Amino acid sequence: MPERPEDPTTGDAAGRSVADDARVPDAEGRAARPACGLCAVWKVAAIVALTAALGVVFTAKARPGSPPEPSAGAGSSVRSETPVPDNPLDGALATGRPVVADFGRGICIPCKMMKPILDELKEHYAGRAEVLIIDIDEYPAVTQRVGIRAIPTQIFYGAQGREFHRHEGFMPREDITARLAEMGAE
């Protein structure tokens, strides 16, 4: 039987394929790392994760349409006795009224279904409770702070600012009004 020449891309002289041996020699014949596709997969996953993280950081720093930060230059006599909250949730919690905060996004189907219900409830409970629609893309810090894991999420806060109830997913009008009634907003 004629001797087959060794082919580094398909196997060795014995006819074994690269897959038969867990170790593939490098170009100089030294033993190399195991020949598995997982190393490449992990590298790609790490690159994708880093790219996504950098995108979030740069998006948060330069959000288009956001108002410019006020500057206190020389001769500026702007003074504020009460600090202005940087998100609607903190402002609503400071009112001393019950609060229902709906966290979602404008492109989410259940979020779109909740919007008219929440708009109607905001009008109905004006002066007795605060009804908020908070876009998670506009307020990522508060979204992270309150631990939003799914959208839409409704968080009910009592008049003292403590979380009373949390619900994930679409919530019918009747269920929202029942929770508000339990909190004393009639």
N, C-alpha and C. Protein backbone atom coordinates (compact mmCIF):
# COMPACT_ATOMS: atom_id res chain seq x y z
N MET A 1 0.84 -1.16 0.00
CA MET A 1 0.00 0.00 0.00
C MET A 1 0.89 1.24 0.00
N PRO A 2 0.60 2.20 -0.91
CA PRO A 2 1.46 3.38 -0.97
C PRO A 2 1.24 4.29 0.23
N GLU A 3 2.30 4.92 0.64
CA GLU A 3 2.23 5.82 1.80
C GLU A 3 1.62 7.15 1.36
N ARG A 4 0.63 7.61 2.16
CA ARG A 4 -0.03 8.88 1.84
C ARG A 4 0.76 10.02 2.48
N PRO A 5 0.92 11.13 1.74
CA PRO A 5 1.63 12.26 2.34
C PRO A 5 0.78 12.94 3.40
N GLU A 6 1.46 13.54 4.37
CA GLU A 6 0.75 14.23 5.45
C GLU A 6 0.18 15.54 4.92
N ASP A 7 -1.09 15.80 5.22
CA ASP A 7 -1.76 17.04 4.80
C ASP A 7 -2.22 17.76 6.06
N PRO A 8 -1.60 18.89 6.42
CA PRO A 8 -1.96 19.57 7.68
C PRO A 8 -3.38 20.10 7.71
N THR A 9 -4.03 20.29 6.59
CA THR A 9 -5.39 20.84 6.61
C THR A 9 -6.44 19.77 6.78
N THR A 10 -6.16 18.54 6.34
CA THR A 10 -7.17 17.50 6.42
C THR A 10 -6.84 16.41 7.40
N GLY A 11 -5.60 16.23 7.74
CA GLY A 11 -5.25 15.17 8.68
C GLY A 11 -3.79 14.82 8.60
N ASP A 12 -3.45 13.59 8.99
CA ASP A 12 -2.05 13.18 8.96
C ASP A 12 -1.88 11.98 8.04
N ALA A 13 -0.71 11.43 8.02
CA ALA A 13 -0.41 10.31 7.12
C ALA A 13 -1.23 9.08 7.47
N ALA A 14 -1.67 8.95 8.69
CA ALA A 14 -2.48 7.80 9.08
C ALA A 14 -3.93 7.95 8.64
N GLY A 15 -4.27 9.07 8.05
CA GLY A 15 -5.63 9.26 7.57
C GLY A 15 -6.58 9.81 8.61
N ARG A 16 -6.04 10.19 9.77
CA ARG A 16 -6.92 10.76 10.79
C ARG A 16 -7.27 12.18 10.41
N SER A 17 -8.48 12.59 10.68
CA SER A 17 -8.87 13.97 10.40
C SER A 17 -8.53 14.83 11.60
N VAL A 18 -8.58 16.13 11.40
CA VAL A 18 -8.30 17.07 12.47
C VAL A 18 -9.26 16.85 13.63
N ALA A 19 -10.48 16.49 13.34
CA ALA A 19 -11.47 16.29 14.39
C ALA A 19 -11.16 15.07 15.23
N ASP A 20 -10.35 14.10 14.69
CA ASP A 20 -10.01 12.91 15.46
C ASP A 20 -9.07 13.23 16.61
N ASP A 21 -8.28 14.26 16.48
CA ASP A 21 -7.30 14.62 17.49
C ASP A 21 -7.73 15.93 18.14
N ALA A 22 -7.73 15.97 19.47
CA ALA A 22 -8.17 17.18 20.17
C ALA A 22 -7.16 18.31 20.05
N ARG A 23 -5.91 17.99 19.72
CA ARG A 23 -4.89 19.02 19.59
C ARG A 23 -4.39 19.06 18.15
N VAL A 24 -4.28 20.26 17.63
CA VAL A 24 -3.81 20.46 16.27
C VAL A 24 -2.46 21.17 16.36
N PRO A 25 -1.42 20.64 15.71
CA PRO A 25 -0.12 21.32 15.78
C PRO A 25 -0.15 22.62 15.00
N ASP A 26 0.66 23.57 15.46
CA ASP A 26 0.75 24.83 14.73
C ASP A 26 1.66 24.66 13.52
N ALA A 27 1.97 25.72 12.81
CA ALA A 27 2.76 25.65 11.57
C ALA A 27 4.16 25.10 11.81
N GLU A 28 4.71 25.24 13.00
CA GLU A 28 6.05 24.76 13.28
C GLU A 28 6.05 23.38 13.93
N GLY A 29 4.90 22.74 14.05
CA GLY A 29 4.81 21.39 14.58
C GLY A 29 4.66 21.31 16.09
N ARG A 30 4.58 22.43 16.77
CA ARG A 30 4.40 22.42 18.22
C ARG A 30 2.95 22.14 18.55
N ALA A 31 2.72 21.58 19.71
CA ALA A 31 1.35 21.33 20.15
C ALA A 31 0.66 22.66 20.40
N ALA A 32 -0.54 22.79 19.91
CA ALA A 32 -1.27 24.05 20.05
C ALA A 32 -2.48 23.85 20.95
N ARG A 33 -3.31 24.86 21.02
CA ARG A 33 -4.53 24.77 21.83
C ARG A 33 -5.49 23.77 21.22
N PRO A 34 -6.46 23.34 21.99
CA PRO A 34 -7.45 22.42 21.44
C PRO A 34 -8.16 23.05 20.24
N ALA A 35 -8.46 22.23 19.28
CA ALA A 35 -9.12 22.71 18.06
C ALA A 35 -10.62 22.71 18.29
N CYS A 36 -11.11 23.75 18.89
CA CYS A 36 -12.55 23.84 19.11
C CYS A 36 -13.05 25.18 18.60
N GLY A 37 -14.29 25.22 18.22
CA GLY A 37 -14.88 26.45 17.73
C GLY A 37 -15.33 27.37 18.84
N LEU A 38 -15.31 26.90 20.09
CA LEU A 38 -15.80 27.71 21.19
C LEU A 38 -14.93 28.93 21.46
N CYS A 39 -13.61 28.79 21.23
CA CYS A 39 -12.73 29.95 21.47
C CYS A 39 -13.13 31.11 20.59
N ALA A 40 -13.38 30.83 19.33
CA ALA A 40 -13.79 31.89 18.40
C ALA A 40 -15.15 32.45 18.78
N VAL A 41 -16.05 31.60 19.22
CA VAL A 41 -17.40 32.05 19.61
C VAL A 41 -17.30 32.99 20.80
N TRP A 42 -16.46 32.65 21.79
CA TRP A 42 -16.33 33.50 22.96
C TRP A 42 -15.71 34.83 22.61
N LYS A 43 -14.74 34.83 21.69
CA LYS A 43 -14.13 36.08 21.28
C LYS A 43 -15.14 36.99 20.59
N VAL A 44 -15.95 36.41 19.72
CA VAL A 44 -16.97 37.20 19.02
C VAL A 44 -17.99 37.72 20.02
N ALA A 45 -18.40 36.88 20.97
CA ALA A 45 -19.38 37.31 21.98
C ALA A 45 -18.83 38.46 22.82
N ALA A 46 -17.56 38.38 23.18
CA ALA A 46 -16.94 39.45 23.97
C ALA A 46 -16.89 40.75 23.18
N ILE A 47 -16.57 40.68 21.91
CA ILE A 47 -16.51 41.88 21.07
C ILE A 47 -17.89 42.50 20.92
N VAL A 48 -18.91 41.66 20.71
CA VAL A 48 -20.28 42.16 20.58
C VAL A 48 -20.73 42.82 21.88
N ALA A 49 -20.42 42.20 23.01
CA ALA A 49 -20.83 42.77 24.30
C ALA A 49 -20.15 44.11 24.56
N LEU A 50 -18.86 44.20 24.27
CA LEU A 50 -18.14 45.46 24.46
C LEU A 50 -18.67 46.55 23.54
N THR A 51 -18.96 46.19 22.30
CA THR A 51 -19.51 47.16 21.36
C THR A 51 -20.85 47.68 21.83
N ALA A 52 -21.71 46.77 22.31
CA ALA A 52 -23.02 47.19 22.80
C ALA A 52 -22.88 48.08 24.02
N ALA A 53 -21.97 47.75 24.93
CA ALA A 53 -21.78 48.56 26.13
C ALA A 53 -21.29 49.96 25.77
N LEU A 54 -20.37 50.04 24.83
CA LEU A 54 -19.89 51.36 24.41
C LEU A 54 -20.99 52.16 23.75
N GLY A 55 -21.85 51.50 22.98
CA GLY A 55 -22.97 52.19 22.34
C GLY A 55 -23.91 52.77 23.36
N VAL A 56 -24.18 52.03 24.45
CA VAL A 56 -25.07 52.53 25.50
C VAL A 56 -24.44 53.73 26.18
N VAL A 57 -23.14 53.67 26.46
CA VAL A 57 -22.47 54.77 27.13
C VAL A 57 -22.52 56.03 26.27
N PHE A 58 -22.19 55.91 24.98
CA PHE A 58 -22.18 57.08 24.12
C PHE A 58 -23.59 57.60 23.87
N THR A 59 -24.58 56.71 23.80
CA THR A 59 -25.97 57.15 23.62
C THR A 59 -26.44 57.92 24.84
N ALA A 60 -26.09 57.45 26.03
CA ALA A 60 -26.51 58.13 27.25
C ALA A 60 -25.85 59.49 27.39
N LYS A 61 -24.62 59.63 26.92
CA LYS A 61 -23.92 60.91 27.04
C LYS A 61 -24.45 61.95 26.08
N ALA A 62 -24.81 61.55 24.89
CA ALA A 62 -25.24 62.51 23.87
C ALA A 62 -26.60 62.12 23.33
N ARG A 63 -27.63 62.34 24.11
CA ARG A 63 -28.99 62.01 23.69
C ARG A 63 -29.53 63.18 22.89
N PRO A 64 -29.89 62.95 21.62
CA PRO A 64 -30.40 64.05 20.82
C PRO A 64 -31.74 64.55 21.36
N GLY A 65 -31.93 65.83 21.28
CA GLY A 65 -33.20 66.41 21.71
C GLY A 65 -33.26 66.72 23.19
N SER A 66 -32.23 66.38 23.94
CA SER A 66 -32.28 66.68 25.37
C SER A 66 -31.86 68.14 25.58
N PRO A 67 -32.46 68.79 26.56
CA PRO A 67 -32.13 70.20 26.77
C PRO A 67 -30.70 70.35 27.25
N PRO A 68 -30.06 71.45 26.88
CA PRO A 68 -28.68 71.66 27.34
C PRO A 68 -28.65 71.91 28.83
N GLU A 69 -27.54 71.55 29.43
CA GLU A 69 -27.38 71.75 30.87
C GLU A 69 -27.25 73.23 31.16
N PRO A 70 -27.92 73.74 32.19
CA PRO A 70 -27.78 75.17 32.51
C PRO A 70 -26.39 75.44 33.04
N SER A 71 -25.86 76.58 32.65
CA SER A 71 -24.53 76.94 33.14
C SER A 71 -24.67 78.11 34.10
N ALA A 72 -23.88 78.06 35.14
CA ALA A 72 -23.89 79.15 36.12
C ALA A 72 -22.62 79.97 35.91
N GLY A 73 -22.69 80.86 34.94
CA GLY A 73 -21.53 81.68 34.61
C GLY A 73 -21.42 82.86 35.55
N ALA A 74 -20.42 83.68 35.30
CA ALA A 74 -20.21 84.87 36.12
C ALA A 74 -21.39 85.81 35.96
N GLY A 75 -21.85 86.34 37.05
CA GLY A 75 -22.98 87.27 37.01
C GLY A 75 -24.33 86.56 37.03
N SER A 76 -24.33 85.26 37.09
CA SER A 76 -25.59 84.51 37.11
C SER A 76 -26.17 84.57 38.51
N SER A 77 -27.43 84.96 38.60
CA SER A 77 -28.06 85.04 39.91
C SER A 77 -29.21 84.05 40.01
N VAL A 78 -29.11 82.93 39.29
CA VAL A 78 -30.17 81.92 39.33
C VAL A 78 -29.99 81.08 40.57
N ARG A 79 -31.00 81.10 41.44
CA ARG A 79 -30.98 80.28 42.63
C ARG A 79 -32.29 79.52 42.72
N SER A 80 -32.19 78.30 43.13
CA SER A 80 -33.39 77.48 43.26
C SER A 80 -33.48 77.01 44.71
N GLU A 81 -34.59 77.30 45.33
CA GLU A 81 -34.77 76.91 46.73
C GLU A 81 -35.02 75.41 46.84
N THR A 82 -35.76 74.82 45.89
CA THR A 82 -36.02 73.40 45.91
C THR A 82 -35.34 72.77 44.70
N PRO A 83 -34.64 71.66 44.91
CA PRO A 83 -33.96 71.03 43.79
C PRO A 83 -34.99 70.45 42.80
N VAL A 84 -34.69 70.58 41.54
CA VAL A 84 -35.57 70.06 40.50
C VAL A 84 -35.16 68.61 40.23
N PRO A 85 -36.10 67.65 40.32
CA PRO A 85 -35.73 66.26 40.09
C PRO A 85 -35.34 66.05 38.63
N ASP A 86 -34.41 65.12 38.41
CA ASP A 86 -33.96 64.85 37.05
C ASP A 86 -34.81 63.81 36.35
N ASN A 87 -35.86 63.33 37.00
CA ASN A 87 -36.77 62.38 36.36
C ASN A 87 -38.17 62.57 36.93
N PRO A 88 -39.20 62.18 36.19
CA PRO A 88 -40.58 62.41 36.65
C PRO A 88 -40.95 61.61 37.89
N LEU A 89 -40.32 60.47 38.11
CA LEU A 89 -40.68 59.64 39.27
C LEU A 89 -40.36 60.35 40.57
N ASP A 90 -39.16 60.89 40.69
CA ASP A 90 -38.79 61.59 41.92
C ASP A 90 -39.70 62.79 42.18
N GLY A 91 -40.06 63.50 41.11
CA GLY A 91 -40.98 64.64 41.25
C GLY A 91 -42.35 64.20 41.75
N ALA A 92 -42.85 63.09 41.21
CA ALA A 92 -44.18 62.60 41.62
C ALA A 92 -44.15 62.08 43.05
N LEU A 93 -43.07 61.39 43.43
CA LEU A 93 -42.98 60.87 44.80
C LEU A 93 -42.90 62.00 45.82
N ALA A 94 -42.39 63.15 45.43
CA ALA A 94 -42.28 64.29 46.34
C ALA A 94 -43.63 64.96 46.61
N THR A 95 -44.67 64.63 45.85
CA THR A 95 -45.97 65.28 46.02
C THR A 95 -46.72 64.79 47.25
N GLY A 96 -46.36 63.61 47.77
CA GLY A 96 -47.08 63.06 48.93
C GLY A 96 -48.39 62.39 48.54
N ARG A 97 -48.58 62.16 47.26
CA ARG A 97 -49.78 61.45 46.78
C ARG A 97 -49.38 60.06 46.30
N PRO A 98 -50.35 59.14 46.21
CA PRO A 98 -50.04 57.83 45.62
C PRO A 98 -49.57 58.01 44.16
N VAL A 99 -48.70 57.11 43.72
CA VAL A 99 -48.11 57.20 42.39
C VAL A 99 -48.21 55.84 41.71
N VAL A 100 -48.63 55.86 40.44
CA VAL A 100 -48.49 54.67 39.60
C VAL A 100 -47.58 55.09 38.45
N ALA A 101 -46.45 54.38 38.33
CA ALA A 101 -45.47 54.67 37.30
C ALA A 101 -45.41 53.49 36.34
N ASP A 102 -45.69 53.75 35.07
CA ASP A 102 -45.64 52.73 34.05
C ASP A 102 -44.33 52.89 33.28
N PHE A 103 -43.48 51.86 33.33
CA PHE A 103 -42.21 51.87 32.61
C PHE A 103 -42.36 51.07 31.33
N GLY A 104 -42.04 51.71 30.20
CA GLY A 104 -42.16 51.02 28.92
C GLY A 104 -41.40 51.73 27.83
N ARG A 105 -41.73 51.38 26.58
CA ARG A 105 -41.13 52.01 25.40
C ARG A 105 -42.25 52.26 24.40
N GLY A 106 -42.08 53.28 23.60
CA GLY A 106 -43.10 53.63 22.62
C GLY A 106 -43.33 52.61 21.53
N ILE A 107 -42.38 51.69 21.32
CA ILE A 107 -42.54 50.71 20.25
C ILE A 107 -43.08 49.37 20.74
N CYS A 108 -43.23 49.20 22.04
CA CYS A 108 -43.72 47.96 22.62
C CYS A 108 -45.25 47.91 22.49
N ILE A 109 -45.78 46.81 21.96
CA ILE A 109 -47.22 46.70 21.71
C ILE A 109 -48.04 46.83 23.01
N PRO A 110 -47.74 46.07 24.09
CA PRO A 110 -48.51 46.25 25.32
C PRO A 110 -48.38 47.67 25.88
N CYS A 111 -47.20 48.29 25.67
CA CYS A 111 -47.00 49.67 26.15
C CYS A 111 -47.93 50.63 25.39
N LYS A 112 -48.05 50.40 24.09
CA LYS A 112 -48.96 51.22 23.28
C LYS A 112 -50.40 51.03 23.73
N MET A 113 -50.76 49.82 24.13
CA MET A 113 -52.12 49.56 24.60
C MET A 113 -52.37 50.22 25.95
N MET A 114 -51.33 50.35 26.77
CA MET A 114 -51.47 50.96 28.09
C MET A 114 -51.60 52.48 28.03
N LYS A 115 -51.00 53.11 27.04
CA LYS A 115 -50.94 54.58 26.98
C LYS A 115 -52.30 55.26 27.08
N PRO A 116 -53.32 54.90 26.27
CA PRO A 116 -54.61 55.60 26.41
C PRO A 116 -55.26 55.37 27.77
N ILE A 117 -55.07 54.19 28.34
CA ILE A 117 -55.63 53.91 29.67
C ILE A 117 -54.97 54.82 30.70
N LEU A 118 -53.65 54.91 30.65
CA LEU A 118 -52.93 55.73 31.62
C LEU A 118 -53.21 57.21 31.43
N ASP A 119 -53.34 57.65 30.17
CA ASP A 119 -53.69 59.06 29.92
C ASP A 119 -55.05 59.39 30.52
N GLU A 120 -56.01 58.50 30.37
CA GLU A 120 -57.35 58.71 30.93
C GLU A 120 -57.30 58.72 32.46
N LEU A 121 -56.54 57.79 33.05
CA LEU A 121 -56.43 57.74 34.51
C LEU A 121 -55.70 58.96 35.06
N LYS A 122 -54.73 59.47 34.32
CA LYS A 122 -54.01 60.67 34.76
C LYS A 122 -54.97 61.84 34.89
N GLU A 123 -55.86 61.96 33.93
CA GLU A 123 -56.85 63.03 33.96
C GLU A 123 -57.87 62.80 35.08
N HIS A 124 -58.31 61.55 35.23
CA HIS A 124 -59.33 61.21 36.23
C HIS A 124 -58.83 61.41 37.67
N TYR A 125 -57.56 61.06 37.93
CA TYR A 125 -57.00 61.14 39.28
C TYR A 125 -56.20 62.43 39.54
N ALA A 126 -56.33 63.41 38.68
CA ALA A 126 -55.58 64.67 38.84
C ALA A 126 -55.82 65.25 40.23
N GLY A 127 -54.72 65.55 40.93
CA GLY A 127 -54.80 66.12 42.27
C GLY A 127 -54.94 65.08 43.38
N ARG A 128 -55.27 63.84 43.03
CA ARG A 128 -55.43 62.78 44.05
C ARG A 128 -54.35 61.72 43.95
N ALA A 129 -53.81 61.51 42.75
CA ALA A 129 -52.74 60.52 42.53
C ALA A 129 -51.95 60.95 41.30
N GLU A 130 -50.73 60.51 41.24
CA GLU A 130 -49.87 60.80 40.09
C GLU A 130 -49.80 59.57 39.20
N VAL A 131 -50.09 59.73 37.92
CA VAL A 131 -50.02 58.64 36.96
C VAL A 131 -48.94 59.02 35.94
N LEU A 132 -47.89 58.21 35.86
CA LEU A 132 -46.74 58.51 35.01
C LEU A 132 -46.53 57.46 33.94
N ILE A 133 -46.08 57.90 32.79
CA ILE A 133 -45.60 57.00 31.74
C ILE A 133 -44.13 57.36 31.56
N ILE A 134 -43.25 56.43 31.92
CA ILE A 134 -41.81 56.68 31.88
C ILE A 134 -41.18 55.81 30.80
N ASP A 135 -40.59 56.45 29.82
CA ASP A 135 -39.92 55.75 28.72
C ASP A 135 -38.54 55.30 29.21
N ILE A 136 -38.29 54.01 29.14
CA ILE A 136 -37.03 53.47 29.67
C ILE A 136 -35.81 53.97 28.90
N ASP A 137 -36.00 54.37 27.64
CA ASP A 137 -34.88 54.91 26.87
C ASP A 137 -34.54 56.34 27.28
N GLU A 138 -35.53 57.10 27.72
CA GLU A 138 -35.30 58.48 28.14
C GLU A 138 -34.74 58.57 29.56
N TYR A 139 -35.07 57.59 30.40
CA TYR A 139 -34.65 57.62 31.80
C TYR A 139 -34.01 56.29 32.19
N PRO A 140 -32.84 55.95 31.60
CA PRO A 140 -32.22 54.66 31.92
C PRO A 140 -31.75 54.55 33.37
N ALA A 141 -31.36 55.65 33.98
CA ALA A 141 -30.86 55.58 35.36
C ALA A 141 -31.98 55.22 36.33
N VAL A 142 -33.12 55.86 36.20
CA VAL A 142 -34.24 55.54 37.10
C VAL A 142 -34.77 54.15 36.80
N THR A 143 -34.74 53.75 35.53
CA THR A 143 -35.18 52.40 35.15
C THR A 143 -34.32 51.35 35.84
N GLN A 144 -33.03 51.57 35.84
CA GLN A 144 -32.11 50.64 36.50
C GLN A 144 -32.28 50.70 38.01
N ARG A 145 -32.46 51.91 38.54
CA ARG A 145 -32.57 52.09 39.99
C ARG A 145 -33.76 51.32 40.57
N VAL A 146 -34.88 51.30 39.85
CA VAL A 146 -36.07 50.62 40.38
C VAL A 146 -36.13 49.16 39.96
N GLY A 147 -35.16 48.69 39.17
CA GLY A 147 -35.06 47.28 38.84
C GLY A 147 -36.06 46.78 37.82
N ILE A 148 -36.24 47.50 36.74
CA ILE A 148 -37.16 47.06 35.69
C ILE A 148 -36.53 45.90 34.94
N ARG A 149 -37.27 44.78 34.85
CA ARG A 149 -36.78 43.59 34.15
C ARG A 149 -37.56 43.30 32.89
N ALA A 150 -38.78 43.81 32.79
CA ALA A 150 -39.63 43.57 31.62
C ALA A 150 -40.49 44.80 31.41
N ILE A 151 -40.94 44.99 30.16
CA ILE A 151 -41.82 46.12 29.90
C ILE A 151 -43.11 45.61 29.27
N PRO A 152 -44.20 46.25 29.55
CA PRO A 152 -44.36 47.32 30.53
C PRO A 152 -44.34 46.78 31.96
N THR A 153 -43.91 47.62 32.87
CA THR A 153 -43.97 47.32 34.31
C THR A 153 -44.63 48.51 34.98
N GLN A 154 -45.63 48.21 35.82
CA GLN A 154 -46.30 49.26 36.59
C GLN A 154 -45.86 49.11 38.04
N ILE A 155 -45.40 50.21 38.61
CA ILE A 155 -45.03 50.22 40.03
C ILE A 155 -45.93 51.21 40.74
N PHE A 156 -46.57 50.75 41.79
CA PHE A 156 -47.46 51.58 42.60
C PHE A 156 -46.72 51.97 43.88
N TYR A 157 -46.71 53.26 44.17
CA TYR A 157 -46.06 53.80 45.36
C TYR A 157 -47.13 54.44 46.24
N GLY A 158 -47.02 54.21 47.56
CA GLY A 158 -47.93 54.85 48.50
C GLY A 158 -47.58 56.31 48.67
N ALA A 159 -48.39 57.02 49.44
CA ALA A 159 -48.19 58.46 49.65
C ALA A 159 -46.85 58.75 50.33
N GLN A 160 -46.30 57.79 51.07
CA GLN A 160 -45.01 57.98 51.73
C GLN A 160 -43.84 57.68 50.80
N GLY A 161 -44.11 57.25 49.57
CA GLY A 161 -43.06 56.99 48.60
C GLY A 161 -42.53 55.58 48.60
N ARG A 162 -43.16 54.68 49.35
CA ARG A 162 -42.72 53.28 49.39
C ARG A 162 -43.48 52.47 48.35
N GLU A 163 -42.76 51.51 47.75
CA GLU A 163 -43.39 50.65 46.74
C GLU A 163 -44.50 49.83 47.40
N PHE A 164 -45.68 49.87 46.80
CA PHE A 164 -46.86 49.19 47.31
C PHE A 164 -47.12 47.90 46.52
N HIS A 165 -46.97 47.98 45.21
CA HIS A 165 -47.26 46.83 44.34
C HIS A 165 -46.49 47.00 43.03
N ARG A 166 -46.15 45.86 42.41
CA ARG A 166 -45.45 45.86 41.13
C ARG A 166 -46.10 44.82 40.23
N HIS A 167 -46.29 45.21 38.97
CA HIS A 167 -46.91 44.30 37.99
C HIS A 167 -46.13 44.40 36.68
N GLU A 168 -45.86 43.25 36.05
CA GLU A 168 -45.18 43.22 34.76
C GLU A 168 -46.16 42.79 33.69
N GLY A 169 -46.17 43.50 32.56
CA GLY A 169 -47.06 43.18 31.46
C GLY A 169 -48.23 44.14 31.40
N PHE A 170 -49.13 43.87 30.45
CA PHE A 170 -50.32 44.72 30.31
C PHE A 170 -51.17 44.61 31.57
N MET A 171 -51.70 45.74 32.02
CA MET A 171 -52.56 45.77 33.21
C MET A 171 -53.84 46.50 32.85
N PRO A 172 -54.98 45.82 32.96
CA PRO A 172 -56.26 46.45 32.61
C PRO A 172 -56.59 47.64 33.52
N ARG A 173 -57.41 48.53 32.99
CA ARG A 173 -57.82 49.74 33.72
C ARG A 173 -58.42 49.40 35.08
N GLU A 174 -59.25 48.38 35.11
CA GLU A 174 -59.94 47.99 36.36
C GLU A 174 -58.94 47.58 37.44
N ASP A 175 -57.89 46.87 37.05
CA ASP A 175 -56.89 46.44 38.02
C ASP A 175 -56.09 47.64 38.56
N ILE A 176 -55.81 48.59 37.68
CA ILE A 176 -55.07 49.78 38.12
C ILE A 176 -55.92 50.59 39.09
N THR A 177 -57.20 50.79 38.76
CA THR A 177 -58.07 51.56 39.67
C THR A 177 -58.26 50.84 40.99
N ALA A 178 -58.32 49.51 40.97
CA ALA A 178 -58.45 48.75 42.22
C ALA A 178 -57.21 48.94 43.11
N ARG A 179 -56.02 48.93 42.51
CA ARG A 179 -54.79 49.16 43.28
C ARG A 179 -54.76 50.58 43.84
N LEU A 180 -55.14 51.55 43.03
CA LEU A 180 -55.17 52.93 43.51
C LEU A 180 -56.17 53.10 44.65
N ALA A 181 -57.31 52.42 44.56
CA ALA A 181 -58.30 52.49 45.64
C ALA A 181 -57.73 51.87 46.93
N GLU A 182 -56.99 50.78 46.80
CA GLU A 182 -56.36 50.16 47.97
C GLU A 182 -55.38 51.12 48.64
N MET A 183 -54.79 51.99 47.85
CA MET A 183 -53.81 52.95 48.37
C MET A 183 -54.47 54.23 48.87
N GLY A 184 -55.79 54.35 48.73
CA GLY A 184 -56.50 55.51 49.24
C GLY A 184 -56.81 56.58 48.22
N ALA A 185 -56.52 56.34 46.97
CA ALA A 185 -56.87 57.31 45.91
C ALA A 185 -58.22 56.91 45.33
N GLU A 186 -59.26 57.55 45.77
CA GLU A 186 -60.62 57.20 45.31
C GLU A 186 -61.04 58.05 44.14
